[in-house]
PDB file of N, CA and C in Angstrom:
ATOM      1  N   UNK A   1      16.457  14.659   3.642  1.00  0.00           N
ATOM      2  CA  UNK A   1      15.363  13.873   3.441  1.00  0.00           C
ATOM      3  C   UNK A   1      15.620  12.739   3.616  1.00  0.00           C
ATOM      4  N   UNK A   2      15.199  12.486   3.346  1.00  0.00           N
ATOM      5  CA  UNK A   2      15.625  10.919   3.994  1.00  0.00           C
ATOM      6  C   UNK A   2      15.167   9.251   2.537  1.00  0.00           C
ATOM      7  N   UNK A   3      16.243   8.331   2.059  1.00  0.00           N
ATOM      8  CA  UNK A   3      17.051   7.691   0.955  1.00  0.00           C
ATOM      9  C   UNK A   3      15.695   6.346   1.586  1.00  0.00           C
ATOM     10  N   UNK A   4      15.044   6.593   2.313  1.00  0.00           N
ATOM     11  CA  UNK A   4      13.696   5.076   1.921  1.00  0.00           C
ATOM     12  C   UNK A   4      12.336   5.740   1.526  1.00  0.00           C
ATOM     13  N   UNK A   5      12.462   3.871   0.243  1.00  0.00           N
ATOM     14  CA  UNK A   5      11.336   4.095  -0.408  1.00  0.00           C
ATOM     15  C   UNK A   5      10.605   3.274  -0.611  1.00  0.00           C
ATOM     16  N   UNK A   6       9.580   3.167  -1.091  1.00  0.00           N
ATOM     17  CA  UNK A   6       8.401   2.258  -0.792  1.00  0.00           C
ATOM     18  C   UNK A   6       9.077   0.876  -1.809  1.00  0.00           C
ATOM     19  N   UNK A   7      10.271   0.431  -2.363  1.00  0.00           N
ATOM     20  CA  UNK A   7      10.463  -0.152  -2.459  1.00  0.00           C
ATOM     21  C   UNK A   7      11.597  -0.839  -1.425  1.00  0.00           C
ATOM     22  N   UNK A   8      12.167   0.034  -0.894  1.00  0.00           N
ATOM     23  CA  UNK A   8      13.401  -0.446   0.577  1.00  0.00           C
ATOM     24  C   UNK A   8      12.195  -1.690   0.999  1.00  0.00           C
ATOM     25  N   UNK A   9      10.352  -0.965   1.071  1.00  0.00           N
ATOM     26  CA  UNK A   9       9.521  -1.164   1.945  1.00  0.00           C
ATOM     27  C   UNK A   9       9.313  -2.352   1.342  1.00  0.00           C
ATOM     28  N   UNK A  10       8.988  -2.579   0.465  1.00  0.00           N
ATOM     29  CA  UNK A  10       8.441  -4.112  -0.489  1.00  0.00           C
ATOM     30  C   UNK A  10       9.483  -5.032  -0.162  1.00  0.00           C
ATOM     31  N   UNK A  11      10.697  -4.697   0.740  1.00  0.00           N
ATOM     32  CA  UNK A  11      11.254  -5.801   0.344  1.00  0.00           C
ATOM     33  C   UNK A  11      11.916  -6.339   1.558  1.00  0.00           C
ATOM     34  N   UNK A  12      10.662  -5.374   2.467  1.00  0.00           N
ATOM     35  CA  UNK A  12      11.117  -5.713   3.833  1.00  0.00           C
ATOM     36  C   UNK A  12      10.319  -6.428   4.122  1.00  0.00           C
ATOM     37  N   UNK A  13       9.142  -5.815   3.424  1.00  0.00           N
ATOM     38  CA  UNK A  13       7.521  -6.826   3.838  1.00  0.00           C
ATOM     39  C   UNK A  13       8.153  -8.904   3.515  1.00  0.00           C
ATOM     40  N   UNK A  14       8.354  -7.655   1.620  1.00  0.00           N
ATOM     41  CA  UNK A  14       8.797  -9.860   1.511  1.00  0.00           C
ATOM     42  C   UNK A  14       9.606 -10.315   2.637  1.00  0.00           C
ATOM     43  N   UNK A  15      10.001  -9.531   3.076  1.00  0.00           N
ATOM     44  CA  UNK A  15      11.106 -10.279   4.235  1.00  0.00           C
ATOM     45  C   UNK A  15      10.685 -10.816   5.507  1.00  0.00           C
ATOM     46  N   UNK A  16      10.177 -10.127   5.707  1.00  0.00           N
ATOM     47  CA  UNK A  16       9.418 -10.571   6.558  1.00  0.00           C
ATOM     48  C   UNK A  16       8.050 -11.327   6.750  1.00  0.00           C
ATOM     49  N   UNK A  17       7.143 -12.166   5.216  1.00  0.00           N
ATOM     50  CA  UNK A  17       6.783 -12.610   5.003  1.00  0.00           C
ATOM     51  C   UNK A  17       6.465 -13.989   5.527  1.00  0.00           C
ATOM     52  N   UNK A  18       8.327 -14.007   5.432  1.00  0.00           N
ATOM     53  CA  UNK A  18       9.088 -15.822   5.299  1.00  0.00           C
ATOM     54  C   UNK A  18       9.090 -16.102   6.895  1.00  0.00           C
ATOM     55  N   UNK A  19       9.176 -15.185   7.805  1.00  0.00           N
ATOM     56  CA  UNK A  19       9.368 -14.824   9.092  1.00  0.00           C
ATOM     57  C   UNK A  19       8.239 -16.016  10.302  1.00  0.00           C
ATOM     58  N   UNK A  20       8.519 -15.991  10.856  1.00  0.00           N
ATOM     59  CA  UNK A  20       7.617 -17.269  11.520  1.00  0.00           C
ATOM     60  C   UNK A  20       6.452 -16.127  11.829  1.00  0.00           C
ATOM     61  N   UNK A  21       4.736 -16.894  11.962  1.00  0.00           N
ATOM     62  CA  UNK A  21       3.422 -15.119  12.220  1.00  0.00           C
ATOM     63  C   UNK A  21       3.371 -15.356  13.509  1.00  0.00           C
ATOM     64  N   UNK A  22       3.950 -16.424  14.574  1.00  0.00           N
ATOM     65  CA  UNK A  22       4.572 -15.656  15.811  1.00  0.00           C
ATOM     66  C   UNK A  22       5.291 -14.857  16.571  1.00  0.00           C
ATOM     67  N   UNK A  23       5.914 -14.107  15.499  1.00  0.00           N
ATOM     68  CA  UNK A  23       7.292 -13.380  15.555  1.00  0.00           C
ATOM     69  C   UNK A  23       7.413 -12.125  14.411  1.00  0.00           C
ATOM     70  N   UNK A  24       6.079 -12.528  13.870  1.00  0.00           N
ATOM     71  CA  UNK A  24       5.920 -10.658  12.583  1.00  0.00           C
ATOM     72  C   UNK A  24       4.245 -10.014  12.423  1.00  0.00           C
ATOM     73  N   UNK A  25       4.229  -9.303  12.496  1.00  0.00           N
ATOM     74  CA  UNK A  25       2.640  -8.595  12.331  1.00  0.00           C
ATOM     75  C   UNK A  25       2.621  -9.164  11.097  1.00  0.00           C
ATOM     76  N   UNK A  26       3.594  -8.510   9.760  1.00  0.00           N
ATOM     77  CA  UNK A  26       3.669  -8.750   8.432  1.00  0.00           C
ATOM     78  C   UNK A  26       3.527 -10.674   8.267  1.00  0.00           C
ATOM     79  N   UNK A  27       4.414 -11.757   8.550  1.00  0.00           N
ATOM     80  CA  UNK A  27       3.677 -13.035   8.363  1.00  0.00           C
ATOM     81  C   UNK A  27       2.881 -13.646   9.336  1.00  0.00           C
ATOM     82  N   UNK A  28       1.920 -12.757   9.615  1.00  0.00           N
ATOM     83  CA  UNK A  28       0.782 -13.120  10.806  1.00  0.00           C
ATOM     84  C   UNK A  28       0.003 -12.493   9.696  1.00  0.00           C
ATOM     85  N   UNK A  29      -0.135 -11.944   9.046  1.00  0.00           N
ATOM     86  CA  UNK A  29      -1.000 -10.641   7.647  1.00  0.00           C
ATOM     87  C   UNK A  29      -1.066 -12.106   6.913  1.00  0.00           C
ATOM     88  N   UNK A  30      -0.049 -12.194   5.923  1.00  0.00           N
ATOM     89  CA  UNK A  30      -0.065 -13.052   5.343  1.00  0.00           C
ATOM     90  C   UNK A  30      -0.794 -14.619   5.612  1.00  0.00           C
ATOM     91  N   UNK A  31      -0.376 -14.879   6.243  1.00  0.00           N
ATOM     92  CA  UNK A  31      -1.426 -16.281   6.555  1.00  0.00           C
ATOM     93  C   UNK A  31      -2.204 -16.111   6.506  1.00  0.00           C
ATOM     94  N   UNK A  32      -2.613 -15.156   7.084  1.00  0.00           N
ATOM     95  CA  UNK A  32      -4.264 -15.238   7.669  1.00  0.00           C
ATOM     96  C   UNK A  32      -5.072 -14.830   6.156  1.00  0.00           C
ATOM     97  N   UNK A  33      -4.376 -14.186   5.152  1.00  0.00           N
ATOM     98  CA  UNK A  33      -4.575 -14.195   3.586  1.00  0.00           C
ATOM     99  C   UNK A  33      -5.218 -12.859   3.109  1.00  0.00           C
ATOM    100  N   UNK A  34      -5.648 -13.044   1.887  1.00  0.00           N
ATOM    101  CA  UNK A  34      -6.102 -11.441   1.248  1.00  0.00           C
ATOM    102  C   UNK A  34      -7.016 -10.627   1.599  1.00  0.00           C
ATOM    103  N   UNK A  35      -8.518 -11.663   2.575  1.00  0.00           N
ATOM    104  CA  UNK A  35      -8.755 -11.213   3.050  1.00  0.00           C
ATOM    105  C   UNK A  35      -9.440  -9.956   4.021  1.00  0.00           C
ATOM    106  N   UNK A  36      -7.950 -11.069   5.276  1.00  0.00           N
ATOM    107  CA  UNK A  36      -7.230 -10.675   6.221  1.00  0.00           C
ATOM    108  C   UNK A  36      -6.829  -9.024   5.858  1.00  0.00           C
ATOM    109  N   UNK A  37      -5.836  -8.926   5.505  1.00  0.00           N
ATOM    110  CA  UNK A  37      -4.880  -7.947   4.900  1.00  0.00           C
ATOM    111  C   UNK A  37      -6.260  -7.203   4.173  1.00  0.00           C
ATOM    112  N   UNK A  38      -6.451  -7.640   2.877  1.00  0.00           N
ATOM    113  CA  UNK A  38      -7.149  -6.089   2.800  1.00  0.00           C
ATOM    114  C   UNK A  38      -7.975  -5.797   3.381  1.00  0.00           C
ATOM    115  N   UNK A  39      -8.899  -5.705   4.236  1.00  0.00           N
ATOM    116  CA  UNK A  39     -10.149  -5.548   5.383  1.00  0.00           C
ATOM    117  C   UNK A  39      -9.003  -4.798   6.585  1.00  0.00           C
ATOM    118  N   UNK A  40      -8.059  -4.887   7.047  1.00  0.00           N
ATOM    119  CA  UNK A  40      -6.494  -4.008   7.153  1.00  0.00           C
ATOM    120  C   UNK A  40      -6.149  -3.125   6.927  1.00  0.00           C
ATOM    121  N   UNK A  41      -6.172  -3.246   5.373  1.00  0.00           N
ATOM    122  CA  UNK A  41      -5.851  -2.016   4.048  1.00  0.00           C
ATOM    123  C   UNK A  41      -7.018  -1.080   4.499  1.00  0.00           C
ATOM    124  N   UNK A  42      -8.310  -2.222   3.959  1.00  0.00           N
ATOM    125  CA  UNK A  42      -9.444  -0.862   4.479  1.00  0.00           C
ATOM    126  C   UNK A  42      -9.663   0.372   5.713  1.00  0.00           C
ATOM    127  N   UNK A  43      -9.317  -0.836   6.973  1.00  0.00           N
ATOM    128  CA  UNK A  43      -9.401   0.513   7.783  1.00  0.00           C
ATOM    129  C   UNK A  43      -8.747   1.285   8.338  1.00  0.00           C
ATOM    130  N   UNK A  44      -7.197   1.288   7.281  1.00  0.00           N
ATOM    131  CA  UNK A  44      -6.023   2.358   7.476  1.00  0.00           C
ATOM    132  C   UNK A  44      -6.697   3.156   6.002  1.00  0.00           C
ATOM    133  N   UNK A  45      -7.170   2.740   5.069  1.00  0.00           N
ATOM    134  CA  UNK A  45      -7.246   3.845   4.134  1.00  0.00           C
ATOM    135  C   UNK A  45      -8.426   3.921   5.164  1.00  0.00           C
ATOM    136  N   UNK A  46      -9.755   4.291   6.195  1.00  0.00           N
ATOM    137  CA  UNK A  46     -11.003   5.022   5.975  1.00  0.00           C
ATOM    138  C   UNK A  46      -9.597   5.711   7.674  1.00  0.00           C
ATOM    139  N   UNK A  47      -9.389   5.071   8.471  1.00  0.00           N
ATOM    140  CA  UNK A  47      -8.297   5.960   9.394  1.00  0.00           C
ATOM    141  C   UNK A  47      -7.194   6.691   8.984  1.00  0.00           C
ATOM    142  N   UNK A  48      -7.088   6.675   7.491  1.00  0.00           N
ATOM    143  CA  UNK A  48      -6.180   7.826   6.844  1.00  0.00           C
ATOM    144  C   UNK A  48      -6.994   9.174   6.051  1.00  0.00           C
ATOM    145  N   UNK A  49      -7.932   8.853   5.988  1.00  0.00           N
ATOM    146  CA  UNK A  49      -9.030   9.543   5.025  1.00  0.00           C
ATOM    147  C   UNK A  49      -9.232  10.228   6.533  1.00  0.00           C
ATOM    148  N   UNK A  50      -9.736  10.197   7.221  1.00  0.00           N
ATOM    149  CA  UNK A  50     -10.674  10.947   8.804  1.00  0.00           C
ATOM    150  C   UNK A  50      -9.069  11.298   9.311  1.00  0.00           C
ATOM    151  N   UNK A  51      -7.805  11.185   9.083  1.00  0.00           N
ATOM    152  CA  UNK A  51      -6.736  11.997   9.786  1.00  0.00           C
ATOM    153  C   UNK A  51      -5.973  12.958   8.686  1.00  0.00           C
ATOM    154  N   UNK A  52      -7.361  12.933   7.301  1.00  0.00           N
ATOM    155  CA  UNK A  52      -6.751  14.199   6.750  1.00  0.00           C
ATOM    156  C   UNK A  52      -7.896  15.055   6.860  1.00  0.00           C
ATOM    157  N   UNK A  53      -9.010  15.025   7.426  1.00  0.00           N
ATOM    158  CA  UNK A  53     -10.641  15.856   6.722  1.00  0.00           C
ATOM    159  C   UNK A  53      -9.875  16.338   8.870  1.00  0.00           C
ATOM    160  N   UNK A  54      -9.272  15.660   9.551  1.00  0.00           N
ATOM    161  CA  UNK A  54      -9.403  16.345  10.528  1.00  0.00           C
ATOM    162  C   UNK A  54      -7.764  17.521  10.293  1.00  0.00           C
ATOM    163  N   UNK A  55      -6.857  17.764   9.719  1.00  0.00           N
ATOM    164  CA  UNK A  55      -6.045  18.170   9.429  1.00  0.00           C
ATOM    165  C   UNK A  55      -4.846  18.113  10.743  1.00  0.00           C
ATOM    166  N   UNK A  56      -5.024  16.895  11.356  1.00  0.00           N
ATOM    167  CA  UNK A  56      -3.600  16.919  12.244  1.00  0.00           C
ATOM    168  C   UNK A  56      -2.879  16.475  11.256  1.00  0.00           C
ATOM    169  N   UNK A  57      -1.138  17.073  10.662  1.00  0.00           N
ATOM    170  CA  UNK A  57      -0.271  16.798   9.918  1.00  0.00           C
ATOM    171  C   UNK A  57       0.666  15.573  10.659  1.00  0.00           C
ATOM    172  N   UNK A  58      -0.006  15.553  12.610  1.00  0.00           N
ATOM    173  CA  UNK A  58       1.388  14.095  11.971  1.00  0.00           C
ATOM    174  C   UNK A  58       0.305  12.790  12.559  1.00  0.00           C
ATOM    175  N   UNK A  59      -0.708  12.951  12.650  1.00  0.00           N
ATOM    176  CA  UNK A  59      -2.085  11.751  12.231  1.00  0.00           C
ATOM    177  C   UNK A  59      -2.198  10.881  11.240  1.00  0.00           C
ATOM    178  N   UNK A  60      -2.182  12.063  10.109  1.00  0.00           N
ATOM    179  CA  UNK A  60      -1.955  12.045   8.130  1.00  0.00           C
ATOM    180  C   UNK A  60      -0.817  11.299   8.232  1.00  0.00           C
ATOM    181  N   UNK A  61       0.298  11.798   8.876  1.00  0.00           N
ATOM    182  CA  UNK A  61       2.454  10.719   8.281  1.00  0.00           C
ATOM    183  C   UNK A  61       1.793   9.306   8.935  1.00  0.00           C
ATOM    184  N   UNK A  62       1.261   9.231  10.311  1.00  0.00           N
ATOM    185  CA  UNK A  62       1.464   8.228  10.907  1.00  0.00           C
ATOM    186  C   UNK A  62       0.283   7.652  10.502  1.00  0.00           C
ATOM    187  N   UNK A  63      -0.755   7.812   9.370  1.00  0.00           N
ATOM    188  CA  UNK A  63      -2.015   6.734   8.926  1.00  0.00           C
ATOM    189  C   UNK A  63      -1.317   5.925   7.867  1.00  0.00           C
ATOM    190  N   UNK A  64      -0.546   7.234   6.677  1.00  0.00           N
ATOM    191  CA  UNK A  64      -0.665   7.402   5.516  1.00  0.00           C
ATOM    192  C   UNK A  64       1.012   5.860   5.619  1.00  0.00           C
ATOM    193  N   UNK A  65       1.682   6.201   6.354  1.00  0.00           N
ATOM    194  CA  UNK A  65       2.446   5.401   6.181  1.00  0.00           C
ATOM    195  C   UNK A  65       2.525   3.850   6.710  1.00  0.00           C
ATOM    196  N   UNK A  66       0.828   3.535   7.718  1.00  0.00           N
ATOM    197  CA  UNK A  66       0.026   2.441   7.754  1.00  0.00           C
ATOM    198  C   UNK A  66      -0.235   1.517   6.630  1.00  0.00           C
ATOM    199  N   UNK A  67      -1.260   2.979   6.393  1.00  0.00           N
ATOM    200  CA  UNK A  67      -1.389   2.337   4.713  1.00  0.00           C
ATOM    201  C   UNK A  67      -0.544   1.637   3.838  1.00  0.00           C
ATOM    202  N   UNK A  68       0.463   2.380   3.743  1.00  0.00           N
ATOM    203  CA  UNK A  68       1.075   2.570   2.680  1.00  0.00           C
ATOM    204  C   UNK A  68       1.804   0.988   3.087  1.00  0.00           C
ATOM    205  N   UNK A  69       1.852   0.472   4.241  1.00  0.00           N
ATOM    206  CA  UNK A  69       2.860  -0.431   4.907  1.00  0.00           C
ATOM    207  C   UNK A  69       1.811  -1.161   4.106  1.00  0.00           C
ATOM    208  N   UNK A  70       0.235  -1.761   4.549  1.00  0.00           N
ATOM    209  CA  UNK A  70      -0.994  -2.372   4.916  1.00  0.00           C
ATOM    210  C   UNK A  70      -0.837  -2.419   2.884  1.00  0.00           C
ATOM    211  N   UNK A  71      -0.983  -1.170   2.212  1.00  0.00           N
ATOM    212  CA  UNK A  71      -0.849  -2.014   0.405  1.00  0.00           C
ATOM    213  C   UNK A  71      -0.344  -2.473   0.118  1.00  0.00           C
ATOM    214  N   UNK A  72       1.486  -2.818   1.185  1.00  0.00           N
ATOM    215  CA  UNK A  72       2.774  -3.457   0.312  1.00  0.00           C
ATOM    216  C   UNK A  72       2.040  -5.430   0.993  1.00  0.00           C
ATOM    217  N   UNK A  73       1.809  -5.433   2.066  1.00  0.00           N
ATOM    218  CA  UNK A  73       1.063  -6.689   2.479  1.00  0.00           C
ATOM    219  C   UNK A  73      -0.171  -6.848   1.317  1.00  0.00           C
ATOM    220  N   UNK A  74      -0.811  -6.543   0.775  1.00  0.00           N
ATOM    221  CA  UNK A  74      -1.721  -6.887  -0.083  1.00  0.00           C
ATOM    222  C   UNK A  74      -1.409  -7.310  -1.316  1.00  0.00           C
ATOM    223  N   UNK A  75      -0.572  -6.041  -2.056  1.00  0.00           N
ATOM    224  CA  UNK A  75       0.242  -6.532  -2.688  1.00  0.00           C
ATOM    225  C   UNK A  75       0.834  -7.617  -2.872  1.00  0.00           C
ATOM    226  N   UNK A  76       1.685  -8.205  -1.739  1.00  0.00           N
ATOM    227  CA  UNK A  76       2.401  -8.962  -1.749  1.00  0.00           C
ATOM    228  C   UNK A  76       2.027 -10.599  -1.680  1.00  0.00           C
ATOM    229  N   UNK A  77       0.626  -9.880  -1.564  1.00  0.00           N
ATOM    230  CA  UNK A  77       0.048 -10.838  -1.156  1.00  0.00           C
ATOM    231  C   UNK A  77      -0.547 -12.069  -2.306  1.00  0.00           C
ATOM    232  N   UNK A  78      -1.483 -10.833  -3.169  1.00  0.00           N
ATOM    233  CA  UNK A  78      -1.864 -10.793  -5.059  1.00  0.00           C
ATOM    234  C   UNK A  78      -1.111 -11.416  -6.086  1.00  0.00           C
ATOM    235  N   UNK A  79       0.216 -11.008  -5.319  1.00  0.00           N
ATOM    236  CA  UNK A  79       1.673 -11.538  -6.714  1.00  0.00           C
ATOM    237  C   UNK A  79       1.116 -10.931  -7.295  1.00  0.00           C
ATOM    238  N   UNK A  80       1.255  -9.382  -6.893  1.00  0.00           N
ATOM    239  CA  UNK A  80       1.148  -8.194  -7.690  1.00  0.00           C
ATOM    240  C   UNK A  80       2.930  -7.898  -7.191  1.00  0.00           C
ATOM    241  N   UNK A  81       4.183  -7.361  -8.516  1.00  0.00           N
ATOM    242  CA  UNK A  81       4.993  -6.593  -7.709  1.00  0.00           C
ATOM    243  C   UNK A  81       5.003  -5.123  -7.797  1.00  0.00           C
ATOM    244  N   UNK A  82       5.459  -3.566  -7.095  1.00  0.00           N
ATOM    245  CA  UNK A  82       5.079  -3.173  -7.180  1.00  0.00           C
ATOM    246  C   UNK A  82       5.636  -2.974  -7.909  1.00  0.00           C
ATOM    247  N   UNK A  83       6.402  -3.128  -8.479  1.00  0.00           N
ATOM    248  CA  UNK A  83       6.924  -2.340 -10.582  1.00  0.00           C
ATOM    249  C   UNK A  83       5.539  -2.475 -11.061  1.00  0.00           C
ATOM    250  N   UNK A  84       5.327  -3.433 -11.149  1.00  0.00           N
ATOM    251  CA  UNK A  84       3.872  -3.210 -12.624  1.00  0.00           C
ATOM    252  C   UNK A  84       3.076  -2.288 -12.094  1.00  0.00           C
ATOM    253  N   UNK A  85       2.582  -1.996 -10.745  1.00  0.00           N
ATOM    254  CA  UNK A  85       2.277  -0.723 -10.143  1.00  0.00           C
ATOM    255  C   UNK A  85       2.794   0.242 -10.832  1.00  0.00           C
ATOM    256  N   UNK A  86       4.289   0.849 -10.135  1.00  0.00           N
ATOM    257  CA  UNK A  86       5.085   1.522 -11.332  1.00  0.00           C
ATOM    258  C   UNK A  86       4.685   1.958 -12.340  1.00  0.00           C
ATOM    259  N   UNK A  87       4.933   0.999 -13.696  1.00  0.00           N
ATOM    260  CA  UNK A  87       4.237   0.795 -14.446  1.00  0.00           C
ATOM    261  C   UNK A  87       3.326   1.319 -14.848  1.00  0.00           C
ATOM    262  N   UNK A  88       2.185   1.527 -14.203  1.00  0.00           N
ATOM    263  CA  UNK A  88       0.991   1.384 -14.669  1.00  0.00           C
ATOM    264  C   UNK A  88       1.103   2.851 -15.078  1.00  0.00           C
ATOM    265  N   UNK A  89       1.412   3.401 -13.275  1.00  0.00           N
ATOM    266  CA  UNK A  89       1.518   5.544 -12.999  1.00  0.00           C
ATOM    267  C   UNK A  89       1.923   5.958 -13.936  1.00  0.00           C
ATOM    268  N   UNK A  90       3.104   4.858 -14.550  1.00  0.00           N
ATOM    269  CA  UNK A  90       4.107   6.011 -15.832  1.00  0.00           C
ATOM    270  C   UNK A  90       3.250   5.822 -16.658  1.00  0.00           C
ATOM    271  N   UNK A  91       1.600   4.487 -17.386  1.00  0.00           N
ATOM    272  CA  UNK A  91       1.986   4.730 -18.319  1.00  0.00           C
ATOM    273  C   UNK A  91       0.488   5.898 -18.700  1.00  0.00           C
ATOM    274  N   UNK A  92       0.106   5.785 -17.324  1.00  0.00           N
ATOM    275  CA  UNK A  92      -0.791   6.800 -17.393  1.00  0.00           C
ATOM    276  C   UNK A  92      -1.126   8.519 -16.784  1.00  0.00           C
ATOM    277  N   UNK A  93       0.579   8.702 -16.310  1.00  0.00           N
ATOM    278  CA  UNK A  93       0.909  10.536 -16.651  1.00  0.00           C
ATOM    279  C   UNK A  93       1.433  10.233 -18.191  1.00  0.00           C
ATOM    280  N   UNK A  94       1.040   9.648 -19.186  1.00  0.00           N
ATOM    281  CA  UNK A  94       2.097   9.701 -20.258  1.00  0.00           C
ATOM    282  C   UNK A  94       0.853  10.812 -21.389  1.00  0.00           C
ATOM    283  N   UNK A  95      -0.315  10.765 -20.264  1.00  0.00           N
ATOM    284  CA  UNK A  95      -1.683  11.057 -20.990  1.00  0.00           C
ATOM    285  C   UNK A  95      -1.915  12.463 -19.832  1.00  0.00           C
ATOM    286  N   UNK A  96      -3.015  13.083 -20.019  1.00  0.00           N
ATOM    287  CA  UNK A  96      -4.026  14.269 -19.449  1.00  0.00           C
ATOM    288  C   UNK A  96      -4.658  13.016 -18.303  1.00  0.00           C
ATOM    289  N   UNK A  97      -4.631  13.628 -17.034  1.00  0.00           N
ATOM    290  CA  UNK A  97      -5.544  12.734 -16.214  1.00  0.00           C
ATOM    291  C   UNK A  97      -6.332  12.503 -16.450  1.00  0.00           C
ATOM    292  N   UNK A  98      -7.281  13.246 -17.012  1.00  0.00           N
ATOM    293  CA  UNK A  98      -8.729  13.057 -17.824  1.00  0.00           C
ATOM    294  C   UNK A  98      -8.839  12.783 -18.922  1.00  0.00           C
ATOM    295  N   UNK A  99      -8.156  12.587 -19.366  1.00  0.00           N
ATOM    296  CA  UNK A  99      -7.652  11.572 -20.705  1.00  0.00           C
ATOM    297  C   UNK A  99      -8.468  10.102 -20.346  1.00  0.00           C
ATOM    298  N   UNK A 100      -6.694  10.039 -19.027  1.00  0.00           N
ATOM    299  CA  UNK A 100      -7.061   8.938 -18.681  1.00  0.00           C
ATOM    300  C   UNK A 100      -8.544   8.468 -18.246  1.00  0.00           C
ATOM    301  N   UNK A 101      -8.589   8.644 -17.582  1.00  0.00           N
ATOM    302  CA  UNK A 101     -10.308   8.906 -16.936  1.00  0.00           C
ATOM    303  C   UNK A 101     -11.073   8.132 -17.936  1.00  0.00           C
ATOM    304  N   UNK A 102     -11.422   9.122 -18.509  1.00  0.00           N
ATOM    305  CA  UNK A 102     -12.210   8.938 -19.800  1.00  0.00           C
ATOM    306  C   UNK A 102     -12.114   7.578 -20.249  1.00  0.00           C
ATOM    307  N   UNK A 103     -10.901   7.436 -20.526  1.00  0.00           N
ATOM    308  CA  UNK A 103     -10.614   6.316 -21.393  1.00  0.00           C
ATOM    309  C   UNK A 103     -11.213   4.207 -20.691  1.00  0.00           C
ATOM    310  N   UNK A 104     -11.058   4.966 -19.095  1.00  0.00           N
ATOM    311  CA  UNK A 104     -10.971   3.940 -18.407  1.00  0.00           C
ATOM    312  C   UNK A 104     -13.174   3.473 -17.773  1.00  0.00           C
ATOM    313  N   UNK A 105     -13.677   4.711 -18.919  1.00  0.00           N
ATOM    314  CA  UNK A 105     -15.365   4.819 -19.305  1.00  0.00           C
ATOM    315  C   UNK A 105     -15.933   3.399 -20.092  1.00  0.00           C
ATOM    316  N   UNK A 106     -15.302   3.831 -21.458  1.00  0.00           N
ATOM    317  CA  UNK A 106     -15.300   2.215 -22.249  1.00  0.00           C
ATOM    318  C   UNK A 106     -15.175   0.804 -22.238  1.00  0.00           C
TER     319      UNK A 106
END
């Protein structure tokens, strides 16, 4: 099992965001702005759903990697640290998912 984590990916995205956009896809996405990065995230989400429906494990793995990468870029541009997301997940998992979901309807 790999020791690579989303925190590692966040650090890599952060470093590559500072690179020359002519030399880094990450820097190019960041320079293009949130609208472009979010659109790319949406495309990757759709591709991940298709891979899941088709049941191809390798495709699902690859598309999920693309999805997570683009999510980290969108978070970077939005100024949302991964730690904030993890804290929100921790808060939500302190109760039943059904209870948590019902609390969002109010």
